[in-house]
Amino acid sequence: MELLRLAAEGGCPEAQYSHGCKLYDEGKISEAIDFYFQSAQEDYAPAQWCYGLDVLHGNGIEKNEIVGLRYIRMAAEQRYQYAVEFMIDSYTNGKYGFKGEEELQRWQRILPHCEHRY
């Protein structure tokens, strides 16, 4: 675990995400979010997903729907499965103002080509 922390602090996006998950599981939400954000800035889709959800719902950080949805969309654009499923659900049910059959179909076409990463 010490090596993971050192790699995360050293700027490795995958380690930042993994260390963030460890902190999150320990209940250290704000610390976890800091590592998710750092990793998300490096374009790491799982971190973009987690950070986006936390910001969207105001979990351990100030709630901001616009920013949260932006990060979730970034993860979805990288074909991160959870984020694509979120987009499909949002367009299907008109959540967060998402509308449009064309966009819904676009996300549905992407889903079979998604990657499931932790």
PDB file of N, CA and C in Angstrom:
ATOM      1  N   MET A   1       0.813  -1.198   0.000  1.00  0.00           N
ATOM      2  CA  MET A   1       0.000   0.000   0.000  1.00  0.00           C
ATOM      3  C   MET A   1       0.861   1.269   0.000  1.00  0.00           C
ATOM      4  N   GLU A   2       2.006   1.169   0.627  1.00  0.00           N
ATOM      5  CA  GLU A   2       2.913   2.324   0.642  1.00  0.00           C
ATOM      6  C   GLU A   2       3.392   2.656  -0.768  1.00  0.00           C
ATOM      7  N   LEU A   3       3.684   1.626  -1.564  1.00  0.00           N
ATOM      8  CA  LEU A   3       4.115   1.858  -2.936  1.00  0.00           C
ATOM      9  C   LEU A   3       2.998   2.493  -3.765  1.00  0.00           C
ATOM     10  N   LEU A   4       1.778   2.067  -3.524  1.00  0.00           N
ATOM     11  CA  LEU A   4       0.631   2.651  -4.217  1.00  0.00           C
ATOM     12  C   LEU A   4       0.526   4.134  -3.887  1.00  0.00           C
ATOM     13  N   ARG A   5       0.632   4.469  -2.615  1.00  0.00           N
ATOM     14  CA  ARG A   5       0.557   5.868  -2.206  1.00  0.00           C
ATOM     15  C   ARG A   5       1.678   6.681  -2.854  1.00  0.00           C
ATOM     16  N   LEU A   6       2.882   6.129  -2.859  1.00  0.00           N
ATOM     17  CA  LEU A   6       4.017   6.838  -3.454  1.00  0.00           C
ATOM     18  C   LEU A   6       3.819   7.045  -4.959  1.00  0.00           C
ATOM     19  N   ALA A   7       3.314   6.021  -5.635  1.00  0.00           N
ATOM     20  CA  ALA A   7       3.043   6.152  -7.068  1.00  0.00           C
ATOM     21  C   ALA A   7       1.954   7.186  -7.323  1.00  0.00           C
ATOM     22  N   ALA A   8       0.936   7.197  -6.467  1.00  0.00           N
ATOM     23  CA  ALA A   8      -0.147   8.174  -6.603  1.00  0.00           C
ATOM     24  C   ALA A   8       0.377   9.585  -6.391  1.00  0.00           C
ATOM     25  N   GLU A   9       1.155   9.757  -5.340  1.00  0.00           N
ATOM     26  CA  GLU A   9       1.718  11.084  -5.070  1.00  0.00           C
ATOM     27  C   GLU A   9       2.725  11.492  -6.142  1.00  0.00           C
ATOM     28  N   GLY A  10       3.308  10.497  -6.815  1.00  0.00           N
ATOM     29  CA  GLY A  10       4.257  10.770  -7.885  1.00  0.00           C
ATOM     30  C   GLY A  10       3.610  11.116  -9.215  1.00  0.00           C
ATOM     31  N   GLY A  11       2.278  10.991  -9.294  1.00  0.00           N
ATOM     32  CA  GLY A  11       1.566  11.432 -10.491  1.00  0.00           C
ATOM     33  C   GLY A  11       1.092  10.354 -11.435  1.00  0.00           C
ATOM     34  N   CYS A  12       1.172   9.091 -11.069  1.00  0.00           N
ATOM     35  CA  CYS A  12       0.677   8.008 -11.921  1.00  0.00           C
ATOM     36  C   CYS A  12      -0.860   7.990 -11.862  1.00  0.00           C
ATOM     37  N   PRO A  13      -1.550   8.241 -12.982  1.00  0.00           N
ATOM     38  CA  PRO A  13      -3.021   8.320 -12.966  1.00  0.00           C
ATOM     39  C   PRO A  13      -3.706   7.058 -12.448  1.00  0.00           C
ATOM     40  N   GLU A  14      -3.214   5.889 -12.852  1.00  0.00           N
ATOM     41  CA  GLU A  14      -3.831   4.644 -12.397  1.00  0.00           C
ATOM     42  C   GLU A  14      -3.658   4.478 -10.893  1.00  0.00           C
ATOM     43  N   ALA A  15      -2.481   4.837 -10.388  1.00  0.00           N
ATOM     44  CA  ALA A  15      -2.228   4.748  -8.949  1.00  0.00           C
ATOM     45  C   ALA A  15      -3.050   5.786  -8.191  1.00  0.00           C
ATOM     46  N   GLN A  16      -3.192   6.968  -8.762  1.00  0.00           N
ATOM     47  CA  GLN A  16      -4.004   8.006  -8.116  1.00  0.00           C
ATOM     48  C   GLN A  16      -5.435   7.507  -7.958  1.00  0.00           C
ATOM     49  N   TYR A  17      -5.959   6.908  -9.017  1.00  0.00           N
ATOM     50  CA  TYR A  17      -7.319   6.377  -8.963  1.00  0.00           C
ATOM     51  C   TYR A  17      -7.427   5.267  -7.922  1.00  0.00           C
ATOM     52  N   SER A  18      -6.511   4.301  -7.970  1.00  0.00           N
ATOM     53  CA  SER A  18      -6.551   3.174  -7.034  1.00  0.00           C
ATOM     54  C   SER A  18      -6.392   3.630  -5.587  1.00  0.00           C
ATOM     55  N   HIS A  19      -5.488   4.568  -5.380  1.00  0.00           N
ATOM     56  CA  HIS A  19      -5.295   5.098  -4.024  1.00  0.00           C
ATOM     57  C   HIS A  19      -6.553   5.852  -3.582  1.00  0.00           C
ATOM     58  N   GLY A  20      -7.160   6.586  -4.511  1.00  0.00           N
ATOM     59  CA  GLY A  20      -8.417   7.260  -4.206  1.00  0.00           C
ATOM     60  C   GLY A  20      -9.499   6.274  -3.794  1.00  0.00           C
ATOM     61  N   CYS A  21      -9.581   5.143  -4.485  1.00  0.00           N
ATOM     62  CA  CYS A  21     -10.572   4.115  -4.135  1.00  0.00           C
ATOM     63  C   CYS A  21     -10.315   3.567  -2.735  1.00  0.00           C
ATOM     64  N   LYS A  22      -9.044   3.357  -2.424  1.00  0.00           N
ATOM     65  CA  LYS A  22      -8.683   2.864  -1.089  1.00  0.00           C
ATOM     66  C   LYS A  22      -9.100   3.874  -0.018  1.00  0.00           C
ATOM     67  N   LEU A  23      -8.793   5.134  -0.254  1.00  0.00           N
ATOM     68  CA  LEU A  23      -9.169   6.181   0.699  1.00  0.00           C
ATOM     69  C   LEU A  23     -10.689   6.276   0.833  1.00  0.00           C
ATOM     70  N   TYR A  24     -11.380   6.167  -0.276  1.00  0.00           N
ATOM     71  CA  TYR A  24     -12.843   6.235  -0.278  1.00  0.00           C
ATOM     72  C   TYR A  24     -13.410   5.117   0.596  1.00  0.00           C
ATOM     73  N   ASP A  25     -12.872   3.899   0.413  1.00  0.00           N
ATOM     74  CA  ASP A  25     -13.330   2.758   1.207  1.00  0.00           C
ATOM     75  C   ASP A  25     -13.049   2.948   2.694  1.00  0.00           C
ATOM     76  N   GLU A  26     -12.036   3.718   3.011  1.00  0.00           N
ATOM     77  CA  GLU A  26     -11.685   4.002   4.409  1.00  0.00           C
ATOM     78  C   GLU A  26     -12.495   5.166   4.977  1.00  0.00           C
ATOM     79  N   GLY A  27     -13.378   5.745   4.144  1.00  0.00           N
ATOM     80  CA  GLY A  27     -14.205   6.858   4.600  1.00  0.00           C
ATOM     81  C   GLY A  27     -13.529   8.214   4.497  1.00  0.00           C
ATOM     82  N   LYS A  28     -12.394   8.270   3.857  1.00  0.00           N
ATOM     83  CA  LYS A  28     -11.659   9.531   3.677  1.00  0.00           C
ATOM     84  C   LYS A  28     -12.047  10.129   2.329  1.00  0.00           C
ATOM     85  N   ILE A  29     -13.296  10.550   2.253  1.00  0.00           N
ATOM     86  CA  ILE A  29     -13.913  10.942   0.991  1.00  0.00           C
ATOM     87  C   ILE A  29     -13.211  12.142   0.350  1.00  0.00           C
ATOM     88  N   SER A  30     -12.969  13.202   1.097  1.00  0.00           N
ATOM     89  CA  SER A  30     -12.374  14.397   0.492  1.00  0.00           C
ATOM     90  C   SER A  30     -10.964  14.112  -0.016  1.00  0.00           C
ATOM     91  N   GLU A  31     -10.199  13.291   0.701  1.00  0.00           N
ATOM     92  CA  GLU A  31      -8.867  12.919   0.226  1.00  0.00           C
ATOM     93  C   GLU A  31      -8.974  12.084  -1.049  1.00  0.00           C
ATOM     94  N   ALA A  32      -9.924  11.177  -1.067  1.00  0.00           N
ATOM     95  CA  ALA A  32     -10.134  10.336  -2.248  1.00  0.00           C
ATOM     96  C   ALA A  32     -10.472  11.195  -3.458  1.00  0.00           C
ATOM     97  N   ILE A  33     -11.350  12.155  -3.257  1.00  0.00           N
ATOM     98  CA  ILE A  33     -11.770  13.022  -4.355  1.00  0.00           C
ATOM     99  C   ILE A  33     -10.587  13.792  -4.924  1.00  0.00           C
ATOM    100  N   ASP A  34      -9.671  14.214  -4.071  1.00  0.00           N
ATOM    101  CA  ASP A  34      -8.473  14.902  -4.556  1.00  0.00           C
ATOM    102  C   ASP A  34      -7.676  14.011  -5.507  1.00  0.00           C
ATOM    103  N   PHE A  35      -7.532  12.733  -5.156  1.00  0.00           N
ATOM    104  CA  PHE A  35      -6.797  11.819  -6.025  1.00  0.00           C
ATOM    105  C   PHE A  35      -7.588  11.494  -7.288  1.00  0.00           C
ATOM    106  N   TYR A  36      -8.917  11.352  -7.172  1.00  0.00           N
ATOM    107  CA  TYR A  36      -9.743  11.148  -8.370  1.00  0.00           C
ATOM    108  C   TYR A  36      -9.570  12.318  -9.331  1.00  0.00           C
ATOM    109  N   PHE A  37      -9.594  13.534  -8.780  1.00  0.00           N
ATOM    110  CA  PHE A  37      -9.481  14.720  -9.621  1.00  0.00           C
ATOM    111  C   PHE A  37      -8.138  14.741 -10.349  1.00  0.00           C
ATOM    112  N   GLN A  38      -7.060  14.470  -9.629  1.00  0.00           N
ATOM    113  CA  GLN A  38      -5.738  14.466 -10.252  1.00  0.00           C
ATOM    114  C   GLN A  38      -5.681  13.452 -11.393  1.00  0.00           C
ATOM    115  N   SER A  39      -6.205  12.272 -11.148  1.00  0.00           N
ATOM    116  CA  SER A  39      -6.213  11.227 -12.163  1.00  0.00           C
ATOM    117  C   SER A  39      -7.133  11.604 -13.330  1.00  0.00           C
ATOM    118  N   ALA A  40      -8.278  12.181 -13.021  1.00  0.00           N
ATOM    119  CA  ALA A  40      -9.225  12.603 -14.065  1.00  0.00           C
ATOM    120  C   ALA A  40      -8.600  13.651 -14.971  1.00  0.00           C
ATOM    121  N   GLN A  41      -7.781  14.509 -14.401  1.00  0.00           N
ATOM    122  CA  GLN A  41      -7.106  15.546 -15.195  1.00  0.00           C
ATOM    123  C   GLN A  41      -6.120  14.918 -16.182  1.00  0.00           C
ATOM    124  N   GLU A  42      -5.679  13.717 -15.889  1.00  0.00           N
ATOM    125  CA  GLU A  42      -4.764  12.991 -16.777  1.00  0.00           C
ATOM    126  C   GLU A  42      -5.532  12.110 -17.755  1.00  0.00           C
ATOM    127  N   ASP A  43      -6.847  12.327 -17.833  1.00  0.00           N
ATOM    128  CA  ASP A  43      -7.713  11.661 -18.807  1.00  0.00           C
ATOM    129  C   ASP A  43      -7.936  10.176 -18.509  1.00  0.00           C
ATOM    130  N   TYR A  44      -7.898   9.806 -17.232  1.00  0.00           N
ATOM    131  CA  TYR A  44      -8.131   8.419 -16.841  1.00  0.00           C
ATOM    132  C   TYR A  44      -9.628   8.234 -16.590  1.00  0.00           C
ATOM    133  N   ALA A  45     -10.273   7.476 -17.477  1.00  0.00           N
ATOM    134  CA  ALA A  45     -11.736   7.370 -17.490  1.00  0.00           C
ATOM    135  C   ALA A  45     -12.360   6.902 -16.174  1.00  0.00           C
ATOM    136  N   PRO A  46     -11.843   5.867 -15.494  1.00  0.00           N
ATOM    137  CA  PRO A  46     -12.484   5.474 -14.234  1.00  0.00           C
ATOM    138  C   PRO A  46     -12.493   6.615 -13.203  1.00  0.00           C
ATOM    139  N   ALA A  47     -11.428   7.399 -13.177  1.00  0.00           N
ATOM    140  CA  ALA A  47     -11.371   8.529 -12.246  1.00  0.00           C
ATOM    141  C   ALA A  47     -12.335   9.630 -12.672  1.00  0.00           C
ATOM    142  N   GLN A  48     -12.449   9.855 -13.971  1.00  0.00           N
ATOM    143  CA  GLN A  48     -13.413  10.847 -14.455  1.00  0.00           C
ATOM    144  C   GLN A  48     -14.824  10.451 -14.038  1.00  0.00           C
ATOM    145  N   TRP A  49     -15.128   9.177 -14.139  1.00  0.00           N
ATOM    146  CA  TRP A  49     -16.434   8.655 -13.743  1.00  0.00           C
ATOM    147  C   TRP A  49     -16.680   8.903 -12.256  1.00  0.00           C
ATOM    148  N   CYS A  50     -15.736   8.487 -11.409  1.00  0.00           N
ATOM    149  CA  CYS A  50     -15.907   8.636  -9.955  1.00  0.00           C
ATOM    150  C   CYS A  50     -15.972  10.108  -9.549  1.00  0.00           C
ATOM    151  N   TYR A  51     -15.066  10.899 -10.079  1.00  0.00           N
ATOM    152  CA  TYR A  51     -15.057  12.322  -9.751  1.00  0.00           C
ATOM    153  C   TYR A  51     -16.360  12.972 -10.221  1.00  0.00           C
ATOM    154  N   GLY A  52     -16.775  12.639 -11.434  1.00  0.00           N
ATOM    155  CA  GLY A  52     -18.013  13.203 -11.970  1.00  0.00           C
ATOM    156  C   GLY A  52     -19.214  12.882 -11.100  1.00  0.00           C
ATOM    157  N   LEU A  53     -19.323  11.638 -10.655  1.00  0.00           N
ATOM    158  CA  LEU A  53     -20.444  11.259  -9.790  1.00  0.00           C
ATOM    159  C   LEU A  53     -20.414  12.010  -8.466  1.00  0.00           C
ATOM    160  N   ASP A  54     -19.222  12.119  -7.871  1.00  0.00           N
ATOM    161  CA  ASP A  54     -19.121  12.817  -6.588  1.00  0.00           C
ATOM    162  C   ASP A  54     -19.515  14.285  -6.726  1.00  0.00           C
ATOM    163  N   VAL A  55     -19.063  14.926  -7.786  1.00  0.00           N
ATOM    164  CA  VAL A  55     -19.413  16.341  -7.999  1.00  0.00           C
ATOM    165  C   VAL A  55     -20.897  16.470  -8.346  1.00  0.00           C
ATOM    166  N   LEU A  56     -21.400  15.582  -9.177  1.00  0.00           N
ATOM    167  CA  LEU A  56     -22.810  15.619  -9.574  1.00  0.00           C
ATOM    168  C   LEU A  56     -23.724  15.547  -8.360  1.00  0.00           C
ATOM    169  N   HIS A  57     -23.383  14.688  -7.409  1.00  0.00           N
ATOM    170  CA  HIS A  57     -24.236  14.475  -6.234  1.00  0.00           C
ATOM    171  C   HIS A  57     -23.790  15.245  -4.998  1.00  0.00           C
ATOM    172  N   GLY A  58     -22.673  15.965  -5.089  1.00  0.00           N
ATOM    173  CA  GLY A  58     -22.187  16.709  -3.935  1.00  0.00           C
ATOM    174  C   GLY A  58     -21.710  15.802  -2.824  1.00  0.00           C
ATOM    175  N   ASN A  59     -21.094  14.705  -3.187  1.00  0.00           N
ATOM    176  CA  ASN A  59     -20.605  13.744  -2.203  1.00  0.00           C
ATOM    177  C   ASN A  59     -19.163  14.082  -1.824  1.00  0.00           C
ATOM    178  N   GLY A  60     -18.989  14.763  -0.705  1.00  0.00           N
ATOM    179  CA  GLY A  60     -17.651  15.123  -0.240  1.00  0.00           C
ATOM    180  C   GLY A  60     -17.060  16.331  -0.928  1.00  0.00           C
ATOM    181  N   ILE A  61     -17.824  16.944  -1.791  1.00  0.00           N
ATOM    182  CA  ILE A  61     -17.381  18.103  -2.551  1.00  0.00           C
ATOM    183  C   ILE A  61     -18.624  18.918  -2.897  1.00  0.00           C
ATOM    184  N   GLU A  62     -18.426  20.187  -3.196  1.00  0.00           N
ATOM    185  CA  GLU A  62     -19.565  21.030  -3.542  1.00  0.00           C
ATOM    186  C   GLU A  62     -20.274  20.484  -4.778  1.00  0.00           C
ATOM    187  N   LYS A  63     -21.592  20.379  -4.691  1.00  0.00           N
ATOM    188  CA  LYS A  63     -22.401  19.857  -5.787  1.00  0.00           C
ATOM    189  C   LYS A  63     -22.371  20.829  -6.962  1.00  0.00           C
ATOM    190  N   ASN A  64     -22.119  20.277  -8.156  1.00  0.00           N
ATOM    191  CA  ASN A  64     -22.127  21.075  -9.375  1.00  0.00           C
ATOM    192  C   ASN A  64     -22.497  20.146 -10.530  1.00  0.00           C
ATOM    193  N   GLU A  65     -23.764  20.207 -10.936  1.00  0.00           N
ATOM    194  CA  GLU A  65     -24.255  19.307 -11.978  1.00  0.00           C
ATOM    195  C   GLU A  65     -23.494  19.459 -13.285  1.00  0.00           C
ATOM    196  N   ILE A  66     -23.225  20.691 -13.672  1.00  0.00           N
ATOM    197  CA  ILE A  66     -22.562  20.938 -14.961  1.00  0.00           C
ATOM    198  C   ILE A  66     -21.182  20.294 -14.988  1.00  0.00           C
ATOM    199  N   VAL A  67     -20.402  20.516 -13.950  1.00  0.00           N
ATOM    200  CA  VAL A  67     -19.053  19.940 -13.888  1.00  0.00           C
ATOM    201  C   VAL A  67     -19.120  18.423 -13.772  1.00  0.00           C
ATOM    202  N   GLY A  68     -20.001  17.923 -12.920  1.00  0.00           N
ATOM    203  CA  GLY A  68     -20.136  16.482 -12.757  1.00  0.00           C
ATOM    204  C   GLY A  68     -20.490  15.795 -14.063  1.00  0.00           C
ATOM    205  N   LEU A  69     -21.458  16.339 -14.785  1.00  0.00           N
ATOM    206  CA  LEU A  69     -21.865  15.748 -16.058  1.00  0.00           C
ATOM    207  C   LEU A  69     -20.752  15.850 -17.103  1.00  0.00           C
ATOM    208  N   ARG A  70     -19.971  16.910 -17.047  1.00  0.00           N
ATOM    209  CA  ARG A  70     -18.850  17.065 -17.982  1.00  0.00           C
ATOM    210  C   ARG A  70     -17.843  15.921 -17.790  1.00  0.00           C
ATOM    211  N   TYR A  71     -17.511  15.615 -16.544  1.00  0.00           N
ATOM    212  CA  TYR A  71     -16.556  14.532 -16.292  1.00  0.00           C
ATOM    213  C   TYR A  71     -17.138  13.163 -16.643  1.00  0.00           C
ATOM    214  N   ILE A  72     -18.398  12.960 -16.364  1.00  0.00           N
ATOM    215  CA  ILE A  72     -19.037  11.693 -16.728  1.00  0.00           C
ATOM    216  C   ILE A  72     -19.040  11.524 -18.240  1.00  0.00           C
ATOM    217  N   ARG A  73     -19.340  12.593 -18.956  1.00  0.00           N
ATOM    218  CA  ARG A  73     -19.337  12.533 -20.431  1.00  0.00           C
ATOM    219  C   ARG A  73     -17.927  12.238 -20.951  1.00  0.00           C
ATOM    220  N   MET A  74     -16.903  12.830 -20.336  1.00  0.00           N
ATOM    221  CA  MET A  74     -15.528  12.563 -20.757  1.00  0.00           C
ATOM    222  C   MET A  74     -15.212  11.074 -20.614  1.00  0.00           C
ATOM    223  N   ALA A  75     -15.657  10.468 -19.520  1.00  0.00           N
ATOM    224  CA  ALA A  75     -15.442   9.034 -19.327  1.00  0.00           C
ATOM    225  C   ALA A  75     -16.228   8.228 -20.364  1.00  0.00           C
ATOM    226  N   ALA A  76     -17.445   8.654 -20.641  1.00  0.00           N
ATOM    227  CA  ALA A  76     -18.276   7.956 -21.629  1.00  0.00           C
ATOM    228  C   ALA A  76     -17.658   8.050 -23.022  1.00  0.00           C
ATOM    229  N   GLU A  77     -17.101   9.187 -23.350  1.00  0.00           N
ATOM    230  CA  GLU A  77     -16.465   9.364 -24.662  1.00  0.00           C
ATOM    231  C   GLU A  77     -15.275   8.422 -24.824  1.00  0.00           C
ATOM    232  N   GLN A  78     -14.704   7.984 -23.716  1.00  0.00           N
ATOM    233  CA  GLN A  78     -13.612   7.008 -23.768  1.00  0.00           C
ATOM    234  C   GLN A  78     -14.142   5.570 -23.712  1.00  0.00           C
ATOM    235  N   ARG A  79     -15.449   5.438 -23.792  1.00  0.00           N
ATOM    236  CA  ARG A  79     -16.117   4.135 -23.780  1.00  0.00           C
ATOM    237  C   ARG A  79     -15.968   3.411 -22.450  1.00  0.00           C
ATOM    238  N   TYR A  80     -16.050   4.176 -21.385  1.00  0.00           N
ATOM    239  CA  TYR A  80     -16.048   3.579 -20.056  1.00  0.00           C
ATOM    240  C   TYR A  80     -17.470   3.114 -19.773  1.00  0.00           C
ATOM    241  N   GLN A  81     -17.638   1.830 -19.570  1.00  0.00           N
ATOM    242  CA  GLN A  81     -18.955   1.194 -19.540  1.00  0.00           C
ATOM    243  C   GLN A  81     -19.953   1.874 -18.611  1.00  0.00           C
ATOM    244  N   TYR A  82     -19.577   2.104 -17.355  1.00  0.00           N
ATOM    245  CA  TYR A  82     -20.517   2.704 -16.405  1.00  0.00           C
ATOM    246  C   TYR A  82     -20.998   4.074 -16.886  1.00  0.00           C
ATOM    247  N   ALA A  83     -20.089   4.838 -17.441  1.00  0.00           N
ATOM    248  CA  ALA A  83     -20.451   6.177 -17.902  1.00  0.00           C
ATOM    249  C   ALA A  83     -21.372   6.113 -19.114  1.00  0.00           C
ATOM    250  N   VAL A  84     -21.116   5.186 -20.016  1.00  0.00           N
ATOM    251  CA  VAL A  84     -21.988   5.032 -21.184  1.00  0.00           C
ATOM    252  C   VAL A  84     -23.374   4.573 -20.737  1.00  0.00           C
ATOM    253  N   GLU A  85     -23.432   3.644 -19.803  1.00  0.00           N
ATOM    254  CA  GLU A  85     -24.729   3.208 -19.274  1.00  0.00           C
ATOM    255  C   GLU A  85     -25.461   4.369 -18.613  1.00  0.00           C
ATOM    256  N   PHE A  86     -24.731   5.229 -17.925  1.00  0.00           N
ATOM    257  CA  PHE A  86     -25.315   6.425 -17.310  1.00  0.00           C
ATOM    258  C   PHE A  86     -25.915   7.321 -18.398  1.00  0.00           C
ATOM    259  N   MET A  87     -25.185   7.513 -19.496  1.00  0.00           N
ATOM    260  CA  MET A  87     -25.686   8.373 -20.575  1.00  0.00           C
ATOM    261  C   MET A  87     -26.945   7.770 -21.202  1.00  0.00           C
ATOM    262  N   ILE A  88     -26.942   6.469 -21.408  1.00  0.00           N
ATOM    263  CA  ILE A  88     -28.124   5.806 -21.972  1.00  0.00           C
ATOM    264  C   ILE A  88     -29.319   5.994 -21.049  1.00  0.00           C
ATOM    265  N   ASP A  89     -29.128   5.759 -19.768  1.00  0.00           N
ATOM    266  CA  ASP A  89     -30.214   5.932 -18.805  1.00  0.00           C
ATOM    267  C   ASP A  89     -30.702   7.376 -18.770  1.00  0.00           C
ATOM    268  N   SER A  90     -29.771   8.306 -18.805  1.00  0.00           N
ATOM    269  CA  SER A  90     -30.145   9.723 -18.747  1.00  0.00           C
ATOM    270  C   SER A  90     -30.950  10.136 -19.970  1.00  0.00           C
ATOM    271  N   TYR A  91     -30.534   9.681 -21.152  1.00  0.00           N
ATOM    272  CA  TYR A  91     -31.287  10.009 -22.363  1.00  0.00           C
ATOM    273  C   TYR A  91     -32.613   9.258 -22.417  1.00  0.00           C
ATOM    274  N   THR A  92     -32.641   8.028 -21.963  1.00  0.00           N
ATOM    275  CA  THR A  92     -33.874   7.241 -21.967  1.00  0.00           C
ATOM    276  C   THR A  92     -34.926   7.883 -21.069  1.00  0.00           C
ATOM    277  N   ASN A  93     -34.501   8.378 -19.917  1.00  0.00           N
ATOM    278  CA  ASN A  93     -35.435   8.905 -18.920  1.00  0.00           C
ATOM    279  C   ASN A  93     -35.458  10.430 -18.843  1.00  0.00           C
ATOM    280  N   GLY A  94     -34.754  11.092 -19.722  1.00  0.00           N
ATOM    281  CA  GLY A  94     -34.758  12.557 -19.748  1.00  0.00           C
ATOM    282  C   GLY A  94     -34.138  13.194 -18.514  1.00  0.00           C
ATOM    283  N   LYS A  95     -33.206  12.493 -17.881  1.00  0.00           N
ATOM    284  CA  LYS A  95     -32.548  13.023 -16.682  1.00  0.00           C
ATOM    285  C   LYS A  95     -31.564  14.121 -17.068  1.00  0.00           C
ATOM    286  N   TYR A  96     -31.399  15.076 -16.192  1.00  0.00           N
ATOM    287  CA  TYR A  96     -30.425  16.164 -16.333  1.00  0.00           C
ATOM    288  C   TYR A  96     -30.639  16.955 -17.623  1.00  0.00           C
ATOM    289  N   GLY A  97     -31.848  16.911 -18.138  1.00  0.00           N
ATOM    290  CA  GLY A  97     -32.174  17.663 -19.340  1.00  0.00           C
ATOM    291  C   GLY A  97     -31.722  17.001 -20.634  1.00  0.00           C
ATOM    292  N   PHE A  98     -31.222  15.777 -20.547  1.00  0.00           N
ATOM    293  CA  PHE A  98     -30.782  15.075 -21.758  1.00  0.00           C
ATOM    294  C   PHE A  98     -32.002  14.620 -22.545  1.00  0.00           C
ATOM    295  N   LYS A  99     -32.023  14.983 -23.820  1.00  0.00           N
ATOM    296  CA  LYS A  99     -33.119  14.601 -24.708  1.00  0.00           C
ATOM    297  C   LYS A  99     -32.528  14.284 -26.075  1.00  0.00           C
ATOM    298  N   GLY A 100     -33.248  13.492 -26.806  1.00  0.00           N
ATOM    299  CA  GLY A 100     -32.876  13.251 -28.188  1.00  0.00           C
ATOM    300  C   GLY A 100     -32.651  11.787 -28.500  1.00  0.00           C
ATOM    301  N   GLU A 101     -33.456  11.303 -29.389  1.00  0.00           N
ATOM    302  CA  GLU A 101     -33.378   9.904 -29.802  1.00  0.00           C
ATOM    303  C   GLU A 101     -32.052   9.613 -30.507  1.00  0.00           C
ATOM    304  N   GLU A 102     -31.568  10.570 -31.262  1.00  0.00           N
ATOM    305  CA  GLU A 102     -30.310  10.372 -31.993  1.00  0.00           C
ATOM    306  C   GLU A 102     -29.134  10.164 -31.031  1.00  0.00           C
ATOM    307  N   GLU A 103     -29.062  10.980 -29.993  1.00  0.00           N
ATOM    308  CA  GLU A 103     -27.987  10.823 -28.998  1.00  0.00           C
ATOM    309  C   GLU A 103     -28.143   9.519 -28.228  1.00  0.00           C
ATOM    310  N   LEU A 104     -29.374   9.179 -27.876  1.00  0.00           N
ATOM    311  CA  LEU A 104     -29.629   7.911 -27.189  1.00  0.00           C
ATOM    312  C   LEU A 104     -29.120   6.753 -28.036  1.00  0.00           C
ATOM    313  N   GLN A 105     -29.441   6.753 -29.310  1.00  0.00           N
ATOM    314  CA  GLN A 105     -29.009   5.675 -30.196  1.00  0.00           C
ATOM    315  C   GLN A 105     -27.485   5.647 -30.347  1.00  0.00           C
ATOM    316  N   ARG A 106     -26.865   6.809 -30.355  1.00  0.00           N
ATOM    317  CA  ARG A 106     -25.404   6.867 -30.446  1.00  0.00           C
ATOM    318  C   ARG A 106     -24.774   6.148 -29.262  1.00  0.00           C
ATOM    319  N   TRP A 107     -25.268   6.446 -28.048  1.00  0.00           N
ATOM    320  CA  TRP A 107     -24.717   5.800 -26.856  1.00  0.00           C
ATOM    321  C   TRP A 107     -25.024   4.308 -26.859  1.00  0.00           C
ATOM    322  N   GLN A 108     -26.200   3.935 -27.333  1.00  0.00           N
ATOM    323  CA  GLN A 108     -26.556   2.513 -27.402  1.00  0.00           C
ATOM    324  C   GLN A 108     -25.636   1.754 -28.365  1.00  0.00           C
ATOM    325  N   ARG A 109     -25.234   2.401 -29.458  1.00  0.00           N
ATOM    326  CA  ARG A 109     -24.308   1.761 -30.404  1.00  0.00           C
ATOM    327  C   ARG A 109     -22.910   1.617 -29.804  1.00  0.00           C
ATOM    328  N   ILE A 110     -22.530   2.530 -28.935  1.00  0.00           N
ATOM    329  CA  ILE A 110     -21.200   2.503 -28.327  1.00  0.00           C
ATOM    330  C   ILE A 110     -21.104   1.422 -27.251  1.00  0.00           C
ATOM    331  N   LEU A 111     -22.182   1.175 -26.534  1.00  0.00           N
ATOM    332  CA  LEU A 111     -22.152   0.283 -25.366  1.00  0.00           C
ATOM    333  C   LEU A 111     -21.491  -1.084 -25.624  1.00  0.00           C
ATOM    334  N   PRO A 112     -21.804  -1.766 -26.725  1.00  0.00           N
ATOM    335  CA  PRO A 112     -21.163  -3.088 -26.919  1.00  0.00           C
ATOM    336  C   PRO A 112     -19.640  -3.025 -27.083  1.00  0.00           C
ATOM    337  N   HIS A 113     -19.119  -1.847 -27.307  1.00  0.00           N
ATOM    338  CA  HIS A 113     -17.681  -1.684 -27.535  1.00  0.00           C
ATOM    339  C   HIS A 113     -16.978  -1.064 -26.319  1.00  0.00           C
ATOM    340  N   CYS A 114     -17.650  -1.091 -25.204  1.00  0.00           N
ATOM    341  CA  CYS A 114     -17.118  -0.453 -24.000  1.00  0.00           C
ATOM    342  C   CYS A 114     -16.125  -1.333 -23.275  1.00  0.00           C
ATOM    343  N   GLU A 115     -15.357  -0.649 -22.469  1.00  0.00           N
ATOM    344  CA  GLU A 115     -14.359  -1.300 -21.629  1.00  0.00           C
ATOM    345  C   GLU A 115     -14.807  -1.175 -20.184  1.00  0.00           C
ATOM    346  N   HIS A 116     -14.698  -2.254 -19.470  1.00  0.00           N
ATOM    347  CA  HIS A 116     -15.065  -2.246 -18.059  1.00  0.00           C
ATOM    348  C   HIS A 116     -13.769  -2.293 -17.248  1.00  0.00           C
ATOM    349  N   ARG A 117     -13.396  -1.153 -16.692  1.00  0.00           N
ATOM    350  CA  ARG A 117     -12.171  -1.066 -15.893  1.00  0.00           C
ATOM    351  C   ARG A 117     -12.546  -0.617 -14.504  1.00  0.00           C
ATOM    352  N   TYR A 118     -11.777  -1.058 -13.530  1.00  0.00           N
ATOM    353  CA  TYR A 118     -12.012  -0.644 -12.147  1.00  0.00           C
ATOM    354  C   TYR A 118     -11.073   0.450 -11.768  1.00  0.00           C
TER     355      TYR A 118
END
